[in-house]
């Protein structure tokens, strides 16, 4: 298996959007202001193809084998989140969607792994680990000193994986009133 990781492109939406939804679940409804799965997918596609929000193709990297997208990484710098989230709130207001408050997910001095997801048929092959290692290299290349992520407190297997990769729980975190561990790897 020869996996390549590259910057996502707007026309990758057909493969990327379902993986984002798989990873974030009902949060996608809040981020799009929609309820039906078809509408959520359609609106998340619009967000992915824009350049001004956290789920933009500009913040997304894809793991591919040949032409097939097997996994995704959504990654950005914590300081960028404030503006990106303000753009999202404005977009929701313009489409008369329910108003939301977007929780801060990273400190401003951290590179942040927002989302990692591997397609169901490719799971267990180390692609998620490759994406996490890619995020580490990107963090170092960009001169950042911290890489962070949040993991739901009940996802113990995921937490153990992150710990094996050098992440340390630094503090409790809350996203949409759900408990998370905030984990950081320092360079």
Protein backbone atom coordinates (compact mmCIF):
# COMPACT_ATOMS: atom_id res chain seq x y z
CA UNK A 1 0.00 0.00 0.00
CA UNK A 2 1.46 3.33 -1.10
CA UNK A 3 -0.22 6.20 0.74
CA UNK A 4 0.31 9.80 -0.30
CA UNK A 5 -0.84 12.80 1.75
CA UNK A 6 -1.69 15.98 -0.12
CA UNK A 7 -3.55 19.25 0.28
CA UNK A 8 -7.25 18.78 -0.40
CA UNK A 9 -8.82 20.46 -3.42
CA UNK A 10 -12.39 21.80 -3.73
CA UNK A 11 -13.38 18.91 -6.02
CA UNK A 12 -12.44 16.40 -3.28
CA UNK A 13 -15.69 17.30 -1.48
CA UNK A 14 -17.48 14.12 -2.62
CA UNK A 15 -15.01 11.99 -0.62
CA UNK A 16 -14.05 14.39 2.18
CA UNK A 17 -17.47 15.61 3.36
CA UNK A 18 -18.76 12.13 4.33
CA UNK A 19 -15.59 11.57 6.37
CA UNK A 20 -15.99 14.91 8.17
CA UNK A 21 -19.59 13.98 8.98
CA UNK A 22 -18.47 10.52 10.16
CA UNK A 23 -15.94 12.14 12.49
CA UNK A 24 -18.00 14.98 13.94
CA UNK A 25 -21.47 13.45 13.90
CA UNK A 26 -24.27 15.74 15.08
CA UNK A 27 -21.87 18.68 15.31
CA UNK A 28 -22.22 18.85 11.52
CA UNK A 29 -25.91 19.71 11.99
CA UNK A 30 -24.99 22.66 14.21
CA UNK A 31 -22.22 23.86 11.88
CA UNK A 32 -24.53 23.83 8.86
CA UNK A 33 -27.81 24.81 10.51
CA UNK A 34 -29.45 21.79 8.88
CA UNK A 35 -31.16 18.63 10.14
CA UNK A 36 -31.59 16.20 7.24
CA UNK A 37 -28.49 14.22 6.28
CA UNK A 38 -28.82 15.34 2.66
CA UNK A 39 -28.97 19.05 3.61
CA UNK A 40 -26.07 18.67 6.08
CA UNK A 41 -23.95 17.07 3.37
CA UNK A 42 -24.90 19.73 0.81
CA UNK A 43 -24.14 22.65 3.14
CA UNK A 44 -20.90 21.10 4.45
CA UNK A 45 -19.83 20.74 0.82
CA UNK A 46 -20.34 24.50 0.42
CA UNK A 47 -18.25 25.15 3.55
CA UNK A 48 -15.53 22.75 2.39
CA UNK A 49 -15.28 24.52 -0.97
CA UNK A 50 -14.99 27.95 0.67
CA UNK A 51 -11.67 29.32 1.92
CA UNK A 52 -12.73 31.02 5.15
CA UNK A 53 -13.77 28.42 7.73
CA UNK A 54 -12.29 25.55 9.74
CA UNK A 55 -13.63 22.84 7.41
CA UNK A 56 -12.31 24.52 4.26
CA UNK A 57 -10.29 22.51 1.78
CA UNK A 58 -7.43 24.87 2.65
CA UNK A 59 -7.28 23.34 6.16
CA UNK A 60 -7.77 19.77 4.94
CA UNK A 61 -5.25 17.16 3.88
CA UNK A 62 -6.16 13.85 2.30
CA UNK A 63 -4.46 10.46 2.46
CA UNK A 64 -4.75 8.79 -0.94
CA UNK A 65 -3.86 5.53 -2.59
CA UNK A 66 -3.89 6.15 -6.29
CA UNK A 67 -6.91 8.38 -6.87
CA UNK A 68 -8.88 7.07 -3.88
CA UNK A 69 -9.18 9.22 -0.75
CA UNK A 70 -8.80 6.95 2.28
CA UNK A 71 -8.54 9.47 5.10
CA UNK A 72 -8.61 13.13 6.06
CA UNK A 73 -6.89 15.53 8.42
CA UNK A 74 -8.40 18.94 9.23
CA UNK A 75 -5.59 21.06 10.70
CA UNK A 76 -5.08 24.75 11.44
CA UNK A 77 -3.43 27.13 13.89
CA UNK A 78 -5.44 27.98 17.02
CA UNK A 79 -5.10 31.73 16.44
CA UNK A 80 -6.87 31.36 13.07
CA UNK A 81 -9.97 29.82 14.64
CA UNK A 82 -11.45 33.09 15.90
CA UNK A 83 -11.74 34.60 12.41
CA UNK A 84 -12.78 31.32 10.79
CA UNK A 85 -15.51 30.80 13.37
CA UNK A 86 -16.73 34.40 12.97
CA UNK A 87 -17.04 33.72 9.21
CA UNK A 88 -19.05 30.58 9.94
CA UNK A 89 -21.42 32.41 12.30
CA UNK A 90 -21.91 35.16 9.69
CA UNK A 91 -22.66 32.54 7.01
CA UNK A 92 -25.23 30.88 9.28
CA UNK A 93 -26.86 34.24 10.00
CA UNK A 94 -27.04 35.05 6.28
CA UNK A 95 -28.91 31.81 5.60
CA UNK A 96 -31.20 32.38 8.61
CA UNK A 97 -29.94 29.25 10.36
CA UNK A 98 -30.13 28.89 14.14
CA UNK A 99 -27.52 31.04 15.84
CA UNK A 100 -24.73 29.10 17.50
CA UNK A 101 -21.79 29.76 19.74
CA UNK A 102 -18.71 27.93 18.51
CA UNK A 103 -16.56 26.68 21.35
CA UNK A 104 -12.86 27.38 21.27
CA UNK A 105 -11.07 24.11 20.61
CA UNK A 106 -7.42 25.13 20.91
CA UNK A 107 -5.24 27.74 22.51
CA UNK A 108 -4.02 30.46 20.17
CA UNK A 109 -0.39 29.26 20.39
CA UNK A 110 -1.18 25.71 19.24
CA UNK A 111 -1.38 24.02 15.88
CA UNK A 112 -4.61 22.05 16.11
CA UNK A 113 -5.85 18.75 14.76
CA UNK A 114 -9.57 19.40 14.39
CA UNK A 115 -10.55 16.18 12.65
CA UNK A 116 -8.94 12.89 11.65
CA UNK A 117 -11.03 10.23 9.95
CA UNK A 118 -10.22 7.16 7.88
CA UNK A 119 -12.77 5.60 5.55
CA UNK A 120 -14.32 2.44 7.00
CA UNK A 121 -12.77 0.13 4.38
CA UNK A 122 -9.26 1.49 5.10
CA UNK A 123 -9.32 1.40 8.90
CA UNK A 124 -6.73 -0.61 10.78
CA UNK A 125 -4.01 -0.03 8.18
CA UNK A 126 -2.15 2.77 9.98
CA UNK A 127 -3.54 5.62 7.85
CA UNK A 128 -4.76 7.56 10.90
CA UNK A 129 -1.28 7.33 12.41
CA UNK A 130 0.26 8.53 9.12
CA UNK A 131 -2.07 11.54 9.16
CA UNK A 132 -1.14 12.35 12.76
CA UNK A 133 2.57 12.06 11.92
CA UNK A 134 2.00 14.32 8.90
CA UNK A 135 0.43 16.90 11.26
CA UNK A 136 3.52 16.70 13.48
CA UNK A 137 5.86 17.31 10.52
CA UNK A 138 3.69 20.18 9.27
CA UNK A 139 3.75 21.71 12.76
CA UNK A 140 7.56 21.57 12.88
CA UNK A 141 7.91 22.92 9.32
CA UNK A 142 5.69 25.88 10.16
CA UNK A 143 7.72 26.65 13.28
CA UNK A 144 4.96 25.92 15.80
CA UNK A 145 5.97 24.53 19.19
CA UNK A 146 2.72 22.80 20.18
CA UNK A 147 0.33 20.45 18.43
CA UNK A 148 -3.00 19.80 20.13
CA UNK A 149 -6.19 17.82 19.75
CA UNK A 150 -9.25 17.03 21.81
CA UNK A 151 -10.50 13.52 22.48
CA UNK A 152 -13.82 12.62 24.07
CA UNK A 153 -13.23 11.33 27.59
CA UNK A 154 -14.93 8.00 26.88
CA UNK A 155 -12.75 7.24 23.80
CA UNK A 156 -10.01 5.49 25.73
CA UNK A 157 -8.54 3.61 22.75
CA UNK A 158 -8.07 6.88 20.87
CA UNK A 159 -6.54 8.52 23.95
CA UNK A 160 -4.07 5.64 24.31
CA UNK A 161 -3.08 5.98 20.64
CA UNK A 162 -2.44 9.69 21.09
CA UNK A 163 -0.39 9.01 24.21
CA UNK A 164 1.72 6.44 22.32
CA UNK A 165 2.40 9.18 19.77
CA UNK A 166 3.61 11.55 22.50
CA UNK A 167 0.50 13.57 23.30
CA UNK A 168 -0.14 14.39 26.96
CA UNK A 169 -3.44 15.35 28.58
CA UNK A 170 -2.97 18.96 29.69
CA UNK A 171 -6.44 19.93 30.85
CA UNK A 172 -10.13 19.09 30.73
CA UNK A 173 -12.02 20.73 27.87
CA UNK A 174 -15.65 21.17 26.95
CA UNK A 175 -17.09 21.28 23.44
CA UNK A 176 -20.85 21.69 23.10
CA UNK A 177 -21.13 20.82 26.78
CA UNK A 178 -19.43 17.44 26.25
CA UNK A 179 -16.29 16.49 28.23
CA UNK A 180 -13.00 16.11 26.37
CA UNK A 181 -9.34 15.71 27.21
CA UNK A 182 -7.19 18.45 25.68
CA UNK A 183 -3.97 16.77 24.59
CA UNK A 184 -0.73 18.47 23.52
CA UNK A 185 2.55 17.36 22.00
CA UNK A 186 5.36 19.87 22.38
CA UNK A 187 8.39 20.26 20.10
